PDB file of N, CA and C in Angstrom:
ATOM      1  N   MET A   1    -111.722  50.291 -55.139  1.00  0.00           N
ATOM      2  CA  MET A   1    -112.383  50.894 -54.023  1.00  0.00           C
ATOM      3  C   MET A   1    -111.494  52.010 -53.467  1.00  0.00           C
ATOM      4  N   VAL A   2    -112.039  53.176 -53.260  1.00  0.00           N
ATOM      5  CA  VAL A   2    -111.302  54.315 -52.723  1.00  0.00           C
ATOM      6  C   VAL A   2    -111.521  54.367 -51.218  1.00  0.00           C
ATOM      7  N   GLN A   3    -110.420  54.422 -50.477  1.00  0.00           N
ATOM      8  CA  GLN A   3    -110.528  54.498 -49.020  1.00  0.00           C
ATOM      9  C   GLN A   3    -110.633  55.955 -48.592  1.00  0.00           C
ATOM     10  N   ALA A   4    -111.558  56.228 -47.694  1.00  0.00           N
ATOM     11  CA  ALA A   4    -111.669  57.567 -47.145  1.00  0.00           C
ATOM     12  C   ALA A   4    -110.608  57.742 -46.062  1.00  0.00           C
ATOM     13  N   HIS A   5    -110.084  58.927 -45.969  1.00  0.00           N
ATOM     14  CA  HIS A   5    -109.085  59.226 -44.958  1.00  0.00           C
ATOM     15  C   HIS A   5    -109.632  60.283 -44.015  1.00  0.00           C
ATOM     16  N   THR A   6    -109.265  60.184 -42.757  1.00  0.00           N
ATOM     17  CA  THR A   6    -109.666  61.150 -41.760  1.00  0.00           C
ATOM     18  C   THR A   6    -108.409  61.720 -41.127  1.00  0.00           C
ATOM     19  N   GLN A   7    -108.383  63.021 -40.993  1.00  0.00           N
ATOM     20  CA  GLN A   7    -107.230  63.667 -40.369  1.00  0.00           C
ATOM     21  C   GLN A   7    -107.468  63.771 -38.868  1.00  0.00           C
ATOM     22  N   ILE A   8    -106.411  63.502 -38.109  1.00  0.00           N
ATOM     23  CA  ILE A   8    -106.490  63.680 -36.664  1.00  0.00           C
ATOM     24  C   ILE A   8    -105.448  64.714 -36.259  1.00  0.00           C
ATOM     25  N   SER A   9    -105.635  65.271 -35.097  1.00  0.00           N
ATOM     26  CA  SER A   9    -104.692  66.258 -34.577  1.00  0.00           C
ATOM     27  C   SER A   9    -104.335  65.871 -33.158  1.00  0.00           C
ATOM     28  N   ALA A  10    -103.074  65.953 -32.828  1.00  0.00           N
ATOM     29  CA  ALA A  10    -102.636  65.601 -31.479  1.00  0.00           C
ATOM     30  C   ALA A  10    -101.398  66.411 -31.133  1.00  0.00           C
ATOM     31  N   TYR A  11    -101.283  66.764 -29.877  1.00  0.00           N
ATOM     32  CA  TYR A  11    -100.081  67.427 -29.388  1.00  0.00           C
ATOM     33  C   TYR A  11     -99.108  66.370 -28.907  1.00  0.00           C
ATOM     34  N   ILE A  12     -97.855  66.487 -29.333  1.00  0.00           N
ATOM     35  CA  ILE A  12     -96.810  65.563 -28.902  1.00  0.00           C
ATOM     36  C   ILE A  12     -95.609  66.388 -28.445  1.00  0.00           C
ATOM     37  N   SER A  13     -94.743  65.761 -27.675  1.00  0.00           N
ATOM     38  CA  SER A  13     -93.553  66.465 -27.180  1.00  0.00           C
ATOM     39  C   SER A  13     -92.587  66.724 -28.327  1.00  0.00           C
ATOM     40  N   LYS A  14     -91.708  67.685 -28.120  1.00  0.00           N
ATOM     41  CA  LYS A  14     -90.693  67.989 -29.126  1.00  0.00           C
ATOM     42  C   LYS A  14     -89.794  66.769 -29.343  1.00  0.00           C
ATOM     43  N   GLU A  15     -89.502  66.046 -28.265  1.00  0.00           N
ATOM     44  CA  GLU A  15     -88.647  64.863 -28.368  1.00  0.00           C
ATOM     45  C   GLU A  15     -89.284  63.802 -29.265  1.00  0.00           C
ATOM     46  N   THR A  16     -90.595  63.590 -29.092  1.00  0.00           N
ATOM     47  CA  THR A  16     -91.294  62.610 -29.927  1.00  0.00           C
ATOM     48  C   THR A  16     -91.329  63.075 -31.373  1.00  0.00           C
ATOM     49  N   LYS A  17     -91.598  64.365 -31.579  1.00  0.00           N
ATOM     50  CA  LYS A  17     -91.609  64.910 -32.942  1.00  0.00           C
ATOM     51  C   LYS A  17     -90.249  64.701 -33.603  1.00  0.00           C
ATOM     52  N   ASP A  18     -89.175  64.968 -32.870  1.00  0.00           N
ATOM     53  CA  ASP A  18     -87.825  64.777 -33.418  1.00  0.00           C
ATOM     54  C   ASP A  18     -87.588  63.317 -33.791  1.00  0.00           C
ATOM     55  N   LEU A  19     -88.055  62.383 -32.955  1.00  0.00           N
ATOM     56  CA  LEU A  19     -87.899  60.960 -33.265  1.00  0.00           C
ATOM     57  C   LEU A  19     -88.687  60.580 -34.523  1.00  0.00           C
ATOM     58  N   VAL A  20     -89.903  61.123 -34.649  1.00  0.00           N
ATOM     59  CA  VAL A  20     -90.716  60.864 -35.847  1.00  0.00           C
ATOM     60  C   VAL A  20     -89.996  61.387 -37.079  1.00  0.00           C
ATOM     61  N   GLU A  21     -89.533  62.630 -37.013  1.00  0.00           N
ATOM     62  CA  GLU A  21     -88.833  63.238 -38.152  1.00  0.00           C
ATOM     63  C   GLU A  21     -87.592  62.423 -38.541  1.00  0.00           C
ATOM     64  N   GLN A  22     -86.846  62.001 -37.544  1.00  0.00           N
ATOM     65  CA  GLN A  22     -85.640  61.213 -37.808  1.00  0.00           C
ATOM     66  C   GLN A  22     -86.004  59.881 -38.474  1.00  0.00           C
ATOM     67  N   TYR A  23     -87.051  59.228 -37.975  1.00  0.00           N
ATOM     68  CA  TYR A  23     -87.442  57.935 -38.527  1.00  0.00           C
ATOM     69  C   TYR A  23     -87.924  58.062 -39.970  1.00  0.00           C
ATOM     70  N   VAL A  24     -88.780  59.042 -40.244  1.00  0.00           N
ATOM     71  CA  VAL A  24     -89.312  59.145 -41.606  1.00  0.00           C
ATOM     72  C   VAL A  24     -88.213  59.513 -42.603  1.00  0.00           C
ATOM     73  N   ARG A  25     -87.243  60.322 -42.150  1.00  0.00           N
ATOM     74  CA  ARG A  25     -86.119  60.646 -43.041  1.00  0.00           C
ATOM     75  C   ARG A  25     -85.274  59.420 -43.328  1.00  0.00           C
ATOM     76  N   SER A  26     -84.968  58.648 -42.286  1.00  0.00           N
ATOM     77  CA  SER A  26     -84.061  57.514 -42.470  1.00  0.00           C
ATOM     78  C   SER A  26     -84.720  56.333 -43.175  1.00  0.00           C
ATOM     79  N   CYS A  27     -86.027  56.167 -43.003  1.00  0.00           N
ATOM     80  CA  CYS A  27     -86.712  55.001 -43.594  1.00  0.00           C
ATOM     81  C   CYS A  27     -87.490  55.327 -44.855  1.00  0.00           C
ATOM     82  N   GLY A  28     -87.669  56.605 -45.138  1.00  0.00           N
ATOM     83  CA  GLY A  28     -88.364  56.988 -46.359  1.00  0.00           C
ATOM     84  C   GLY A  28     -89.859  56.727 -46.358  1.00  0.00           C
ATOM     85  N   VAL A  29     -90.466  56.704 -45.181  1.00  0.00           N
ATOM     86  CA  VAL A  29     -91.915  56.531 -45.115  1.00  0.00           C
ATOM     87  C   VAL A  29     -92.565  57.878 -44.828  1.00  0.00           C
ATOM     88  N   LYS A  30     -93.842  57.967 -45.094  1.00  0.00           N
ATOM     89  CA  LYS A  30     -94.594  59.193 -44.809  1.00  0.00           C
ATOM     90  C   LYS A  30     -95.024  59.180 -43.345  1.00  0.00           C
ATOM     91  N   LYS A  31     -95.145  60.378 -42.778  1.00  0.00           N
ATOM     92  CA  LYS A  31     -95.565  60.486 -41.377  1.00  0.00           C
ATOM     93  C   LYS A  31     -96.926  59.841 -41.144  1.00  0.00           C
ATOM     94  N   GLY A  32     -97.848  60.052 -42.050  1.00  0.00           N
ATOM     95  CA  GLY A  32     -99.182  59.476 -41.895  1.00  0.00           C
ATOM     96  C   GLY A  32     -99.139  57.961 -41.834  1.00  0.00           C
ATOM     97  N   PHE A  33     -98.304  57.351 -42.673  1.00  0.00           N
ATOM     98  CA  PHE A  33     -98.154  55.897 -42.661  1.00  0.00           C
ATOM     99  C   PHE A  33     -97.588  55.429 -41.329  1.00  0.00           C
ATOM    100  N   LEU A  34     -96.561  56.136 -40.839  1.00  0.00           N
ATOM    101  CA  LEU A  34     -95.946  55.771 -39.564  1.00  0.00           C
ATOM    102  C   LEU A  34     -96.947  55.878 -38.416  1.00  0.00           C
ATOM    103  N   VAL A  35     -97.684  56.979 -38.373  1.00  0.00           N
ATOM    104  CA  VAL A  35     -98.646  57.193 -37.289  1.00  0.00           C
ATOM    105  C   VAL A  35     -99.745  56.133 -37.337  1.00  0.00           C
ATOM    106  N   GLU A  36    -100.299  55.879 -38.516  1.00  0.00           N
ATOM    107  CA  GLU A  36    -101.355  54.882 -38.616  1.00  0.00           C
ATOM    108  C   GLU A  36    -100.849  53.484 -38.259  1.00  0.00           C
ATOM    109  N   SER A  37     -99.654  53.133 -38.727  1.00  0.00           N
ATOM    110  CA  SER A  37     -99.080  51.825 -38.397  1.00  0.00           C
ATOM    111  C   SER A  37     -98.861  51.690 -36.897  1.00  0.00           C
ATOM    112  N   ALA A  38     -98.331  52.737 -36.285  1.00  0.00           N
ATOM    113  CA  ALA A  38     -98.072  52.699 -34.842  1.00  0.00           C
ATOM    114  C   ALA A  38     -99.375  52.586 -34.056  1.00  0.00           C
ATOM    115  N   LEU A  39    -100.387  53.340 -34.443  1.00  0.00           N
ATOM    116  CA  LEU A  39    -101.677  53.270 -33.758  1.00  0.00           C
ATOM    117  C   LEU A  39    -102.307  51.887 -33.899  1.00  0.00           C
ATOM    118  N   LEU A  40    -102.293  51.350 -35.108  1.00  0.00           N
ATOM    119  CA  LEU A  40    -102.862  50.021 -35.321  1.00  0.00           C
ATOM    120  C   LEU A  40    -102.117  48.960 -34.511  1.00  0.00           C
ATOM    121  N   HIS A  41    -100.794  49.057 -34.508  1.00  0.00           N
ATOM    122  CA  HIS A  41     -99.982  48.102 -33.757  1.00  0.00           C
ATOM    123  C   HIS A  41    -100.313  48.187 -32.261  1.00  0.00           C
ATOM    124  N   HIS A  42    -100.379  49.392 -31.733  1.00  0.00           N
ATOM    125  CA  HIS A  42    -100.662  49.585 -30.314  1.00  0.00           C
ATOM    126  C   HIS A  42    -102.070  49.109 -29.956  1.00  0.00           C
ATOM    127  N   LEU A  43    -103.037  49.480 -30.757  1.00  0.00           N
ATOM    128  CA  LEU A  43    -104.417  49.086 -30.474  1.00  0.00           C
ATOM    129  C   LEU A  43    -104.594  47.572 -30.552  1.00  0.00           C
ATOM    130  N   LYS A  44    -103.930  46.939 -31.496  1.00  0.00           N
ATOM    131  CA  LYS A  44    -103.997  45.481 -31.618  1.00  0.00           C
ATOM    132  C   LYS A  44    -103.373  44.809 -30.393  1.00  0.00           C
ATOM    133  N   ALA A  45    -102.242  45.365 -29.930  1.00  0.00           N
ATOM    134  CA  ALA A  45    -101.597  44.821 -28.739  1.00  0.00           C
ATOM    135  C   ALA A  45    -102.506  44.952 -27.524  1.00  0.00           C
ATOM    136  N   LEU A  46    -103.149  46.113 -27.372  1.00  0.00           N
ATOM    137  CA  LEU A  46    -104.065  46.317 -26.252  1.00  0.00           C
ATOM    138  C   LEU A  46    -105.232  45.343 -26.306  1.00  0.00           C
ATOM    139  N   GLU A  47    -105.656  45.015 -27.509  1.00  0.00           N
ATOM    140  CA  GLU A  47    -106.784  44.096 -27.705  1.00  0.00           C
ATOM    141  C   GLU A  47    -106.396  42.647 -27.411  1.00  0.00           C
ATOM    142  N   GLU A  48    -105.189  42.260 -27.786  1.00  0.00           N
ATOM    143  CA  GLU A  48    -104.811  40.852 -27.734  1.00  0.00           C
ATOM    144  C   GLU A  48    -103.999  40.432 -26.518  1.00  0.00           C
ATOM    145  N   LEU A  49    -103.293  41.368 -25.904  1.00  0.00           N
ATOM    146  CA  LEU A  49    -102.429  41.009 -24.789  1.00  0.00           C
ATOM    147  C   LEU A  49    -103.114  41.292 -23.458  1.00  0.00           C
ATOM    148  N   PRO A  50    -102.789  40.504 -22.438  1.00  0.00           N
ATOM    149  CA  PRO A  50    -103.333  40.802 -21.110  1.00  0.00           C
ATOM    150  C   PRO A  50    -102.820  42.158 -20.622  1.00  0.00           C
ATOM    151  N   ALA A  51    -103.657  42.875 -19.921  1.00  0.00           N
ATOM    152  CA  ALA A  51    -103.318  44.235 -19.472  1.00  0.00           C
ATOM    153  C   ALA A  51    -102.047  44.263 -18.631  1.00  0.00           C
ATOM    154  N   ASP A  52    -101.770  43.207 -17.881  1.00  0.00           N
ATOM    155  CA  ASP A  52    -100.608  43.224 -16.993  1.00  0.00           C
ATOM    156  C   ASP A  52     -99.269  43.054 -17.713  1.00  0.00           C
ATOM    157  N   VAL A  53     -99.280  42.758 -19.014  1.00  0.00           N
ATOM    158  CA  VAL A  53     -98.015  42.658 -19.744  1.00  0.00           C
ATOM    159  C   VAL A  53     -97.736  43.886 -20.603  1.00  0.00           C
ATOM    160  N   ILE A  54     -98.662  44.828 -20.630  1.00  0.00           N
ATOM    161  CA  ILE A  54     -98.453  46.071 -21.371  1.00  0.00           C
ATOM    162  C   ILE A  54     -97.651  47.025 -20.495  1.00  0.00           C
ATOM    163  N   ILE A  55     -96.482  47.398 -20.959  1.00  0.00           N
ATOM    164  CA  ILE A  55     -95.623  48.309 -20.205  1.00  0.00           C
ATOM    165  C   ILE A  55     -95.764  49.700 -20.821  1.00  0.00           C
ATOM    166  N   PRO A  56     -96.230  50.668 -20.036  1.00  0.00           N
ATOM    167  CA  PRO A  56     -96.393  52.012 -20.585  1.00  0.00           C
ATOM    168  C   PRO A  56     -95.035  52.627 -20.936  1.00  0.00           C
ATOM    169  N   PRO A  57     -94.980  53.468 -21.966  1.00  0.00           N
ATOM    170  CA  PRO A  57     -93.706  54.073 -22.355  1.00  0.00           C
ATOM    171  C   PRO A  57     -93.212  55.114 -21.356  1.00  0.00           C
ATOM    172  N   ARG A  58     -94.111  55.596 -20.523  1.00  0.00           N
ATOM    173  CA  ARG A  58     -93.737  56.571 -19.497  1.00  0.00           C
ATOM    174  C   ARG A  58     -94.324  56.126 -18.167  1.00  0.00           C
ATOM    175  N   LEU A  59     -93.541  56.279 -17.124  1.00  0.00           N
ATOM    176  CA  LEU A  59     -94.019  55.989 -15.790  1.00  0.00           C
ATOM    177  C   LEU A  59     -94.070  57.296 -15.011  1.00  0.00           C
ATOM    178  N   VAL A  60     -95.162  57.526 -14.328  1.00  0.00           N
ATOM    179  CA  VAL A  60     -95.310  58.722 -13.516  1.00  0.00           C
ATOM    180  C   VAL A  60     -95.232  58.295 -12.061  1.00  0.00           C
ATOM    181  N   VAL A  61     -94.316  58.911 -11.335  1.00  0.00           N
ATOM    182  CA  VAL A  61     -94.148  58.573  -9.925  1.00  0.00           C
ATOM    183  C   VAL A  61     -94.381  59.817  -9.078  1.00  0.00           C
ATOM    184  N   SER A  62     -94.792  59.591  -7.855  1.00  0.00           N
ATOM    185  CA  SER A  62     -94.965  60.712  -6.930  1.00  0.00           C
ATOM    186  C   SER A  62     -93.599  61.195  -6.472  1.00  0.00           C
ATOM    187  N   LEU A  63     -93.566  62.362  -5.875  1.00  0.00           N
ATOM    188  CA  LEU A  63     -92.316  62.893  -5.345  1.00  0.00           C
ATOM    189  C   LEU A  63     -91.745  61.927  -4.303  1.00  0.00           C
ATOM    190  N   GLU A  64     -92.619  61.390  -3.468  1.00  0.00           N
ATOM    191  CA  GLU A  64     -92.183  60.464  -2.413  1.00  0.00           C
ATOM    192  C   GLU A  64     -91.564  59.194  -2.991  1.00  0.00           C
ATOM    193  N   SER A  65     -92.231  58.588  -3.964  1.00  0.00           N
ATOM    194  CA  SER A  65     -91.684  57.356  -4.532  1.00  0.00           C
ATOM    195  C   SER A  65     -90.439  57.643  -5.375  1.00  0.00           C
ATOM    196  N   GLY A  66     -90.392  58.794  -6.029  1.00  0.00           N
ATOM    197  CA  GLY A  66     -89.200  59.177  -6.783  1.00  0.00           C
ATOM    198  C   GLY A  66     -87.994  59.340  -5.875  1.00  0.00           C
ATOM    199  N   GLU A  67     -88.220  59.942  -4.712  1.00  0.00           N
ATOM    200  CA  GLU A  67     -87.133  60.108  -3.744  1.00  0.00           C
ATOM    201  C   GLU A  67     -86.679  58.754  -3.206  1.00  0.00           C
ATOM    202  N   ALA A  68     -87.615  57.831  -3.024  1.00  0.00           N
ATOM    203  CA  ALA A  68     -87.258  56.484  -2.554  1.00  0.00           C
ATOM    204  C   ALA A  68     -86.401  55.760  -3.595  1.00  0.00           C
ATOM    205  N   VAL A  69     -86.745  55.902  -4.862  1.00  0.00           N
ATOM    206  CA  VAL A  69     -85.944  55.283  -5.933  1.00  0.00           C
ATOM    207  C   VAL A  69     -84.550  55.895  -5.956  1.00  0.00           C
ATOM    208  N   LEU A  70     -84.477  57.217  -5.859  1.00  0.00           N
ATOM    209  CA  LEU A  70     -83.182  57.904  -5.855  1.00  0.00           C
ATOM    210  C   LEU A  70     -82.320  57.437  -4.687  1.00  0.00           C
ATOM    211  N   GLU A  71     -82.935  57.284  -3.528  1.00  0.00           N
ATOM    212  CA  GLU A  71     -82.191  56.814  -2.358  1.00  0.00           C
ATOM    213  C   GLU A  71     -81.638  55.409  -2.587  1.00  0.00           C
ATOM    214  N   GLN A  72     -82.444  54.533  -3.194  1.00  0.00           N
ATOM    215  CA  GLN A  72     -81.977  53.175  -3.494  1.00  0.00           C
ATOM    216  C   GLN A  72     -80.827  53.183  -4.497  1.00  0.00           C
ATOM    217  N   LEU A  73     -80.875  54.111  -5.453  1.00  0.00           N
ATOM    218  CA  LEU A  73     -79.799  54.202  -6.438  1.00  0.00           C
ATOM    219  C   LEU A  73     -78.513  54.743  -5.818  1.00  0.00           C
ATOM    220  N   GLU A  74     -78.661  55.699  -4.907  1.00  0.00           N
ATOM    221  CA  GLU A  74     -77.489  56.300  -4.282  1.00  0.00           C
ATOM    222  C   GLU A  74     -76.875  55.402  -3.211  1.00  0.00           C
ATOM    223  N   LYS A  75     -77.726  54.631  -2.526  1.00  0.00           N
ATOM    224  CA  LYS A  75     -77.253  53.740  -1.455  1.00  0.00           C
ATOM    225  C   LYS A  75     -77.884  52.362  -1.643  1.00  0.00           C
ATOM    226  N   PRO A  76     -77.403  51.605  -2.623  1.00  0.00           N
ATOM    227  CA  PRO A  76     -78.012  50.290  -2.872  1.00  0.00           C
ATOM    228  C   PRO A  76     -77.807  49.354  -1.686  1.00  0.00           C
ATOM    229  N   ALA A  77     -78.770  48.462  -1.509  1.00  0.00           N
ATOM    230  CA  ALA A  77     -78.688  47.460  -0.440  1.00  0.00           C
ATOM    231  C   ALA A  77     -77.578  46.472  -0.766  1.00  0.00           C
ATOM    232  N   GLU A  78     -77.045  45.857   0.276  1.00  0.00           N
ATOM    233  CA  GLU A  78     -76.009  44.832   0.104  1.00  0.00           C
ATOM    234  C   GLU A  78     -76.602  43.640  -0.651  1.00  0.00           C
ATOM    235  N   SER A  79     -75.832  43.085  -1.560  1.00  0.00           N
ATOM    236  CA  SER A  79     -76.287  41.928  -2.324  1.00  0.00           C
ATOM    237  C   SER A  79     -76.489  40.726  -1.415  1.00  0.00           C
ATOM    238  N   THR A  80     -77.549  39.991  -1.665  1.00  0.00           N
ATOM    239  CA  THR A  80     -77.803  38.766  -0.903  1.00  0.00           C
ATOM    240  C   THR A  80     -76.973  37.631  -1.502  1.00  0.00           C
ATOM    241  N   ASP A  81     -76.846  36.541  -0.756  1.00  0.00           N
ATOM    242  CA  ASP A  81     -76.118  35.373  -1.272  1.00  0.00           C
ATOM    243  C   ASP A  81     -76.773  34.847  -2.547  1.00  0.00           C
ATOM    244  N   ALA A  82     -78.117  34.863  -2.582  1.00  0.00           N
ATOM    245  CA  ALA A  82     -78.834  34.391  -3.774  1.00  0.00           C
ATOM    246  C   ALA A  82     -78.513  35.270  -4.976  1.00  0.00           C
ATOM    247  N   MET A  83     -78.435  36.585  -4.769  1.00  0.00           N
ATOM    248  CA  MET A  83     -78.115  37.501  -5.867  1.00  0.00           C
ATOM    249  C   MET A  83     -76.682  37.281  -6.346  1.00  0.00           C
ATOM    250  N   LYS A  84     -75.763  37.089  -5.403  1.00  0.00           N
ATOM    251  CA  LYS A  84     -74.366  36.845  -5.783  1.00  0.00           C
ATOM    252  C   LYS A  84     -74.244  35.552  -6.584  1.00  0.00           C
ATOM    253  N   ALA A  85     -74.982  34.507  -6.174  1.00  0.00           N
ATOM    254  CA  ALA A  85     -74.958  33.230  -6.890  1.00  0.00           C
ATOM    255  C   ALA A  85     -75.505  33.377  -8.289  1.00  0.00           C
ATOM    256  N   LEU A  86     -76.539  34.195  -8.429  1.00  0.00           N
ATOM    257  CA  LEU A  86     -77.160  34.411  -9.730  1.00  0.00           C
ATOM    258  C   LEU A  86     -76.175  35.021 -10.729  1.00  0.00           C
ATOM    259  N   PHE A  87     -75.322  35.924 -10.240  1.00  0.00           N
ATOM    260  CA  PHE A  87     -74.401  36.630 -11.143  1.00  0.00           C
ATOM    261  C   PHE A  87     -73.001  36.036 -11.165  1.00  0.00           C
ATOM    262  N   ARG A  88     -72.782  35.003 -10.363  1.00  0.00           N
ATOM    263  CA  ARG A  88     -71.457  34.374 -10.344  1.00  0.00           C
ATOM    264  C   ARG A  88     -71.195  33.691 -11.681  1.00  0.00           C
ATOM    265  N   ASP A  89     -70.001  33.805 -12.170  1.00  0.00           N
ATOM    266  CA  ASP A  89     -69.634  33.232 -13.473  1.00  0.00           C
ATOM    267  C   ASP A  89     -68.864  31.945 -13.262  1.00  0.00           C
ATOM    268  N   ASP A  90     -69.594  30.894 -12.931  1.00  0.00           N
ATOM    269  CA  ASP A  90     -68.944  29.587 -12.665  1.00  0.00           C
ATOM    270  C   ASP A  90     -68.873  28.768 -13.907  1.00  0.00           C
TER     271      ASP A  90
END
């Protein structure tokens, strides 16, 4: 049985393209195989896993929430006793 193939076109970032190129060179697979495998894997995960456990590869934050995260990183809150106990090496 001969399988029909369909070509798709998509725009991706230069960083993603570089990662694809690096992977296919190091593993010796064809780009089409990698793309189809990745799509099938992702679609199967979306089908089988609950939506709340799927973590997107990119998070988009507003300027306000980004500034709040930056502030927390620059001035972290004091550790609570529970947090200190969690990391204590007893």
